[in-house]
């Protein structure tokens, strides 16, 4: 049963409540979009912008909780980070947590 069939079945009542049902379904879709889809799209856009602005020397936190400093950004979507002096690892850019990095950098600047 597809969506058009469901809408047609809703509007077949004799009581005239079919219009209300269309409005109700429309409001449900609008609310779903406002509270779930739009915020997620906004967060994805912020994450992408955060990753493109990343540069050498930035302090980051990965989604695994590894703290480090960006040493080199590669063209293939990876980067080399220094986790302790002289110790480097290669990670995917997508493994960087925007929220944790922002919180860690705020905490570091607050203690200075």
N, C-alpha and C. Protein backbone atom coordinates (compact mmCIF):
# COMPACT_ATOMS: atom_id res chain seq x y z
N UNK A 1 0.85 -1.17 0.00
CA UNK A 1 0.00 0.00 0.00
C UNK A 1 0.90 1.23 0.00
N UNK A 2 0.73 2.11 -0.95
CA UNK A 2 1.58 3.29 -1.01
C UNK A 2 0.90 4.48 -0.35
N UNK A 3 1.64 5.58 -0.26
CA UNK A 3 1.17 6.76 0.45
C UNK A 3 -0.07 7.38 -0.21
N UNK A 4 -0.13 7.37 -1.54
CA UNK A 4 -1.28 7.95 -2.24
C UNK A 4 -2.55 7.17 -1.92
N UNK A 5 -2.46 5.85 -1.85
CA UNK A 5 -3.61 5.02 -1.52
C UNK A 5 -4.10 5.32 -0.11
N UNK A 6 -3.18 5.50 0.81
CA UNK A 6 -3.56 5.81 2.20
C UNK A 6 -4.28 7.15 2.25
N UNK A 7 -3.77 8.16 1.56
CA UNK A 7 -4.43 9.47 1.54
C UNK A 7 -5.82 9.38 0.93
N UNK A 8 -5.98 8.59 -0.12
CA UNK A 8 -7.30 8.43 -0.74
C UNK A 8 -8.27 7.75 0.21
N UNK A 9 -7.79 6.75 0.93
CA UNK A 9 -8.65 6.05 1.89
C UNK A 9 -9.05 6.98 3.04
N UNK A 10 -8.16 7.88 3.45
CA UNK A 10 -8.47 8.80 4.53
C UNK A 10 -9.57 9.78 4.14
N UNK A 11 -9.55 10.21 2.90
CA UNK A 11 -10.50 11.22 2.44
C UNK A 11 -11.85 10.66 2.02
N UNK A 12 -12.11 9.36 2.15
CA UNK A 12 -13.35 8.77 1.68
C UNK A 12 -14.48 8.80 2.70
N UNK A 13 -14.23 9.32 3.88
CA UNK A 13 -15.28 9.34 4.90
C UNK A 13 -16.41 10.30 4.55
N UNK A 14 -17.60 10.01 5.00
CA UNK A 14 -18.76 10.86 4.72
C UNK A 14 -18.88 12.02 5.70
N UNK A 15 -18.13 11.97 6.76
CA UNK A 15 -18.31 12.97 7.81
C UNK A 15 -17.59 14.28 7.51
N UNK A 16 -16.77 14.35 6.50
CA UNK A 16 -16.04 15.57 6.18
C UNK A 16 -14.77 15.73 7.00
N UNK A 17 -14.39 14.71 7.72
CA UNK A 17 -13.19 14.77 8.55
C UNK A 17 -11.94 14.48 7.75
N UNK A 18 -12.07 14.17 6.47
CA UNK A 18 -10.91 13.86 5.63
C UNK A 18 -9.96 15.03 5.52
N UNK A 19 -10.49 16.24 5.42
CA UNK A 19 -9.65 17.44 5.36
C UNK A 19 -8.84 17.61 6.62
N UNK A 20 -9.47 17.35 7.77
CA UNK A 20 -8.76 17.45 9.04
C UNK A 20 -7.63 16.43 9.10
N UNK A 21 -7.88 15.24 8.57
CA UNK A 21 -6.85 14.20 8.61
C UNK A 21 -5.66 14.59 7.74
N UNK A 22 -5.92 15.22 6.60
CA UNK A 22 -4.81 15.69 5.76
C UNK A 22 -4.00 16.76 6.48
N UNK A 23 -4.68 17.67 7.13
CA UNK A 23 -4.00 18.73 7.88
C UNK A 23 -3.19 18.12 9.02
N UNK A 24 -3.76 17.16 9.72
CA UNK A 24 -3.09 16.51 10.83
C UNK A 24 -1.83 15.79 10.35
N UNK A 25 -1.92 15.07 9.25
CA UNK A 25 -0.75 14.36 8.71
C UNK A 25 0.29 15.38 8.26
N UNK A 26 -0.15 16.45 7.64
CA UNK A 26 0.78 17.50 7.23
C UNK A 26 1.50 18.12 8.41
N UNK A 27 0.77 18.37 9.49
CA UNK A 27 1.38 18.92 10.70
C UNK A 27 2.38 17.94 11.31
N UNK A 28 2.06 16.67 11.29
CA UNK A 28 2.99 15.65 11.80
C UNK A 28 4.28 15.65 11.00
N UNK A 29 4.16 15.73 9.68
CA UNK A 29 5.36 15.75 8.83
C UNK A 29 6.17 17.00 9.09
N UNK A 30 5.51 18.15 9.24
CA UNK A 30 6.19 19.41 9.52
C UNK A 30 6.94 19.35 10.85
N UNK A 31 6.28 18.85 11.87
CA UNK A 31 6.92 18.74 13.19
C UNK A 31 8.10 17.78 13.14
N UNK A 32 7.95 16.66 12.45
CA UNK A 32 9.04 15.70 12.28
C UNK A 32 10.23 16.38 11.61
N UNK A 33 9.97 17.17 10.57
CA UNK A 33 11.04 17.85 9.85
C UNK A 33 11.71 18.90 10.74
N UNK A 34 10.89 19.68 11.48
CA UNK A 34 11.45 20.74 12.31
C UNK A 34 12.32 20.21 13.45
N UNK A 35 11.92 19.11 14.07
CA UNK A 35 12.61 18.64 15.26
C UNK A 35 13.61 17.53 15.01
N UNK A 36 13.59 16.90 13.85
CA UNK A 36 14.51 15.79 13.63
C UNK A 36 15.40 15.97 12.41
N UNK A 37 14.84 16.26 11.29
CA UNK A 37 15.62 16.30 10.05
C UNK A 37 16.45 17.58 9.97
N UNK A 38 15.85 18.73 10.21
CA UNK A 38 16.55 20.00 10.08
C UNK A 38 17.73 20.14 11.03
N UNK A 39 17.59 19.81 12.33
CA UNK A 39 18.75 19.91 13.23
C UNK A 39 19.89 18.96 12.84
N UNK A 40 19.54 17.77 12.37
CA UNK A 40 20.58 16.83 11.97
C UNK A 40 21.34 17.34 10.75
N UNK A 41 20.64 17.91 9.79
CA UNK A 41 21.29 18.46 8.60
C UNK A 41 22.18 19.64 8.98
N UNK A 42 21.72 20.45 9.91
CA UNK A 42 22.51 21.59 10.37
C UNK A 42 23.79 21.12 11.06
N UNK A 43 23.69 20.09 11.87
CA UNK A 43 24.86 19.55 12.57
C UNK A 43 25.85 18.94 11.57
N UNK A 44 25.36 18.26 10.55
CA UNK A 44 26.24 17.69 9.53
C UNK A 44 26.98 18.79 8.78
N UNK A 45 26.30 19.88 8.50
CA UNK A 45 26.93 21.01 7.81
C UNK A 45 28.02 21.62 8.69
N UNK A 46 27.76 21.76 9.99
CA UNK A 46 28.76 22.30 10.91
C UNK A 46 29.97 21.37 11.00
N UNK A 47 29.74 20.06 11.04
CA UNK A 47 30.83 19.09 11.12
C UNK A 47 31.71 19.18 9.88
N UNK A 48 31.08 19.28 8.71
CA UNK A 48 31.84 19.38 7.45
C UNK A 48 32.67 20.66 7.43
N UNK A 49 32.08 21.77 7.86
CA UNK A 49 32.79 23.05 7.91
C UNK A 49 33.95 22.98 8.90
N UNK A 50 33.73 22.33 10.04
CA UNK A 50 34.76 22.16 11.06
C UNK A 50 35.96 21.39 10.50
N UNK A 51 35.68 20.33 9.75
CA UNK A 51 36.76 19.51 9.20
C UNK A 51 37.53 20.24 8.10
N UNK A 52 36.83 21.07 7.31
CA UNK A 52 37.53 21.79 6.24
C UNK A 52 38.40 22.93 6.79
N UNK A 53 38.06 23.48 7.94
CA UNK A 53 38.84 24.55 8.54
C UNK A 53 40.02 24.03 9.37
N UNK A 54 40.11 22.71 9.54
CA UNK A 54 41.18 22.11 10.34
C UNK A 54 42.53 22.39 9.68
N UNK A 55 43.53 22.71 10.50
CA UNK A 55 44.86 22.98 9.97
C UNK A 55 45.92 22.46 10.92
N UNK A 56 47.16 22.48 10.46
CA UNK A 56 48.27 21.97 11.24
C UNK A 56 48.41 22.76 12.54
N UNK A 57 48.62 22.04 13.63
CA UNK A 57 48.77 22.67 14.93
C UNK A 57 47.51 22.69 15.77
N UNK A 58 46.35 22.37 15.19
CA UNK A 58 45.10 22.34 15.94
C UNK A 58 45.09 21.16 16.90
N UNK A 59 44.59 21.41 18.09
CA UNK A 59 44.43 20.33 19.07
C UNK A 59 43.06 19.70 18.84
N UNK A 60 43.02 18.36 18.78
CA UNK A 60 41.78 17.65 18.47
C UNK A 60 41.57 16.50 19.45
N UNK A 61 40.33 15.99 19.44
CA UNK A 61 39.96 14.79 20.18
C UNK A 61 39.21 13.90 19.20
N UNK A 62 39.60 12.62 19.11
CA UNK A 62 38.91 11.70 18.20
C UNK A 62 37.68 11.12 18.88
N UNK A 63 36.85 10.43 18.10
CA UNK A 63 35.66 9.81 18.68
C UNK A 63 36.02 8.66 19.61
N UNK A 64 37.27 8.19 19.53
CA UNK A 64 37.75 7.15 20.44
C UNK A 64 38.33 7.76 21.72
N UNK A 65 38.39 9.10 21.79
CA UNK A 65 38.89 9.76 22.99
C UNK A 65 40.39 10.03 22.97
N UNK A 66 41.03 9.88 21.81
CA UNK A 66 42.47 10.13 21.71
C UNK A 66 42.69 11.63 21.49
N UNK A 67 43.50 12.23 22.35
CA UNK A 67 43.83 13.65 22.25
C UNK A 67 45.13 13.78 21.48
N UNK A 68 45.20 14.76 20.60
CA UNK A 68 46.42 14.95 19.84
C UNK A 68 46.44 16.30 19.15
N UNK A 69 47.52 16.52 18.41
CA UNK A 69 47.71 17.75 17.66
C UNK A 69 47.90 17.39 16.20
N UNK A 70 47.20 18.10 15.31
CA UNK A 70 47.30 17.83 13.88
C UNK A 70 48.72 18.16 13.42
N UNK A 71 49.36 17.18 12.77
CA UNK A 71 50.70 17.38 12.24
C UNK A 71 50.69 17.54 10.73
N UNK A 72 49.84 16.77 10.04
CA UNK A 72 49.77 16.84 8.59
C UNK A 72 48.38 16.42 8.14
N UNK A 73 47.83 17.14 7.16
CA UNK A 73 46.53 16.78 6.58
C UNK A 73 46.77 16.28 5.17
N UNK A 74 46.37 15.05 4.91
CA UNK A 74 46.56 14.43 3.60
C UNK A 74 45.36 14.68 2.70
N UNK A 75 45.57 14.53 1.39
CA UNK A 75 44.50 14.75 0.42
C UNK A 75 43.51 13.59 0.35
N UNK A 76 43.86 12.45 0.92
CA UNK A 76 42.99 11.27 0.81
C UNK A 76 42.00 11.13 1.97
N UNK A 77 41.78 12.20 2.72
CA UNK A 77 40.81 12.17 3.82
C UNK A 77 41.39 11.67 5.12
N UNK A 78 42.71 11.58 5.20
CA UNK A 78 43.37 11.15 6.44
C UNK A 78 44.24 12.28 6.96
N UNK A 79 44.71 12.12 8.17
CA UNK A 79 45.64 13.08 8.75
C UNK A 79 46.57 12.37 9.72
N UNK A 80 47.71 12.97 9.93
CA UNK A 80 48.68 12.47 10.89
C UNK A 80 48.58 13.36 12.12
N UNK A 81 48.38 12.72 13.29
CA UNK A 81 48.32 13.49 14.52
C UNK A 81 49.43 13.03 15.46
N UNK A 82 49.90 13.97 16.25
CA UNK A 82 50.92 13.67 17.25
C UNK A 82 50.21 13.53 18.59
N UNK A 83 50.31 12.33 19.17
CA UNK A 83 49.60 12.08 20.43
C UNK A 83 50.49 12.29 21.65
N UNK A 84 51.79 12.19 21.46
CA UNK A 84 52.78 12.56 22.46
C UNK A 84 54.05 12.93 21.69
N UNK A 85 54.98 13.63 22.31
CA UNK A 85 56.15 14.07 21.55
C UNK A 85 56.86 12.91 20.85
N UNK A 86 56.90 12.98 19.52
CA UNK A 86 57.57 11.96 18.72
C UNK A 86 56.72 10.75 18.40
N UNK A 87 55.45 10.72 18.83
CA UNK A 87 54.56 9.58 18.58
C UNK A 87 53.41 10.03 17.68
N UNK A 88 53.34 9.47 16.48
CA UNK A 88 52.37 9.89 15.48
C UNK A 88 51.46 8.74 15.09
N UNK A 89 50.20 9.06 14.80
CA UNK A 89 49.28 8.06 14.26
C UNK A 89 48.52 8.68 13.09
N UNK A 90 48.09 7.81 12.19
CA UNK A 90 47.32 8.24 11.03
C UNK A 90 45.86 7.90 11.29
N UNK A 91 44.97 8.89 11.15
CA UNK A 91 43.55 8.67 11.38
C UNK A 91 42.74 9.24 10.21
N UNK A 92 41.49 8.84 10.13
CA UNK A 92 40.56 9.42 9.16
C UNK A 92 40.05 10.75 9.71
N UNK A 93 39.82 11.70 8.81
CA UNK A 93 39.26 12.99 9.24
C UNK A 93 37.91 12.81 9.91
N UNK A 94 37.14 11.86 9.43
CA UNK A 94 35.79 11.64 9.96
C UNK A 94 35.82 11.10 11.39
N UNK A 95 36.99 10.72 11.89
CA UNK A 95 37.09 10.19 13.26
C UNK A 95 37.27 11.30 14.29
N UNK A 96 37.24 12.53 13.86
CA UNK A 96 37.42 13.65 14.80
C UNK A 96 36.05 14.08 15.32
N UNK A 97 35.95 14.21 16.62
CA UNK A 97 34.71 14.63 17.25
C UNK A 97 34.71 16.15 17.39
N UNK A 98 33.77 16.79 16.72
CA UNK A 98 33.67 18.24 16.78
C UNK A 98 33.29 18.69 18.20
N UNK A 99 32.35 18.01 18.82
CA UNK A 99 31.88 18.40 20.15
C UNK A 99 32.99 18.25 21.19
N UNK A 100 33.66 17.10 21.21
CA UNK A 100 34.72 16.86 22.19
C UNK A 100 35.90 17.78 21.98
N UNK A 101 36.24 18.04 20.70
CA UNK A 101 37.35 18.94 20.40
C UNK A 101 37.03 20.35 20.89
N UNK A 102 35.83 20.81 20.62
CA UNK A 102 35.42 22.15 21.06
C UNK A 102 35.45 22.25 22.59
N UNK A 103 34.92 21.24 23.27
CA UNK A 103 34.90 21.25 24.73
C UNK A 103 36.31 21.20 25.31
N UNK A 104 37.18 20.39 24.73
CA UNK A 104 38.56 20.29 25.23
C UNK A 104 39.30 21.61 25.01
N UNK A 105 39.08 22.25 23.88
CA UNK A 105 39.76 23.53 23.62
C UNK A 105 39.21 24.63 24.51
N UNK A 106 37.91 24.61 24.82
CA UNK A 106 37.34 25.60 25.73
C UNK A 106 37.93 25.43 27.14
N UNK A 107 38.05 24.17 27.58
CA UNK A 107 38.60 23.90 28.89
C UNK A 107 40.07 24.32 28.98
N UNK A 108 40.82 24.12 27.90
CA UNK A 108 42.23 24.50 27.89
C UNK A 108 42.39 26.02 27.95
N UNK A 109 41.54 26.75 27.23
CA UNK A 109 41.65 28.21 27.26
C UNK A 109 41.13 28.80 28.56
N UNK A 110 40.19 28.10 29.21
CA UNK A 110 39.64 28.59 30.48
C UNK A 110 40.67 28.47 31.61
N UNK A 111 41.56 27.49 31.54
CA UNK A 111 42.54 27.28 32.60
C UNK A 111 43.75 28.20 32.45
N UNK A 112 43.90 28.84 31.29
CA UNK A 112 45.07 29.73 31.07
C UNK A 112 44.89 31.07 31.75
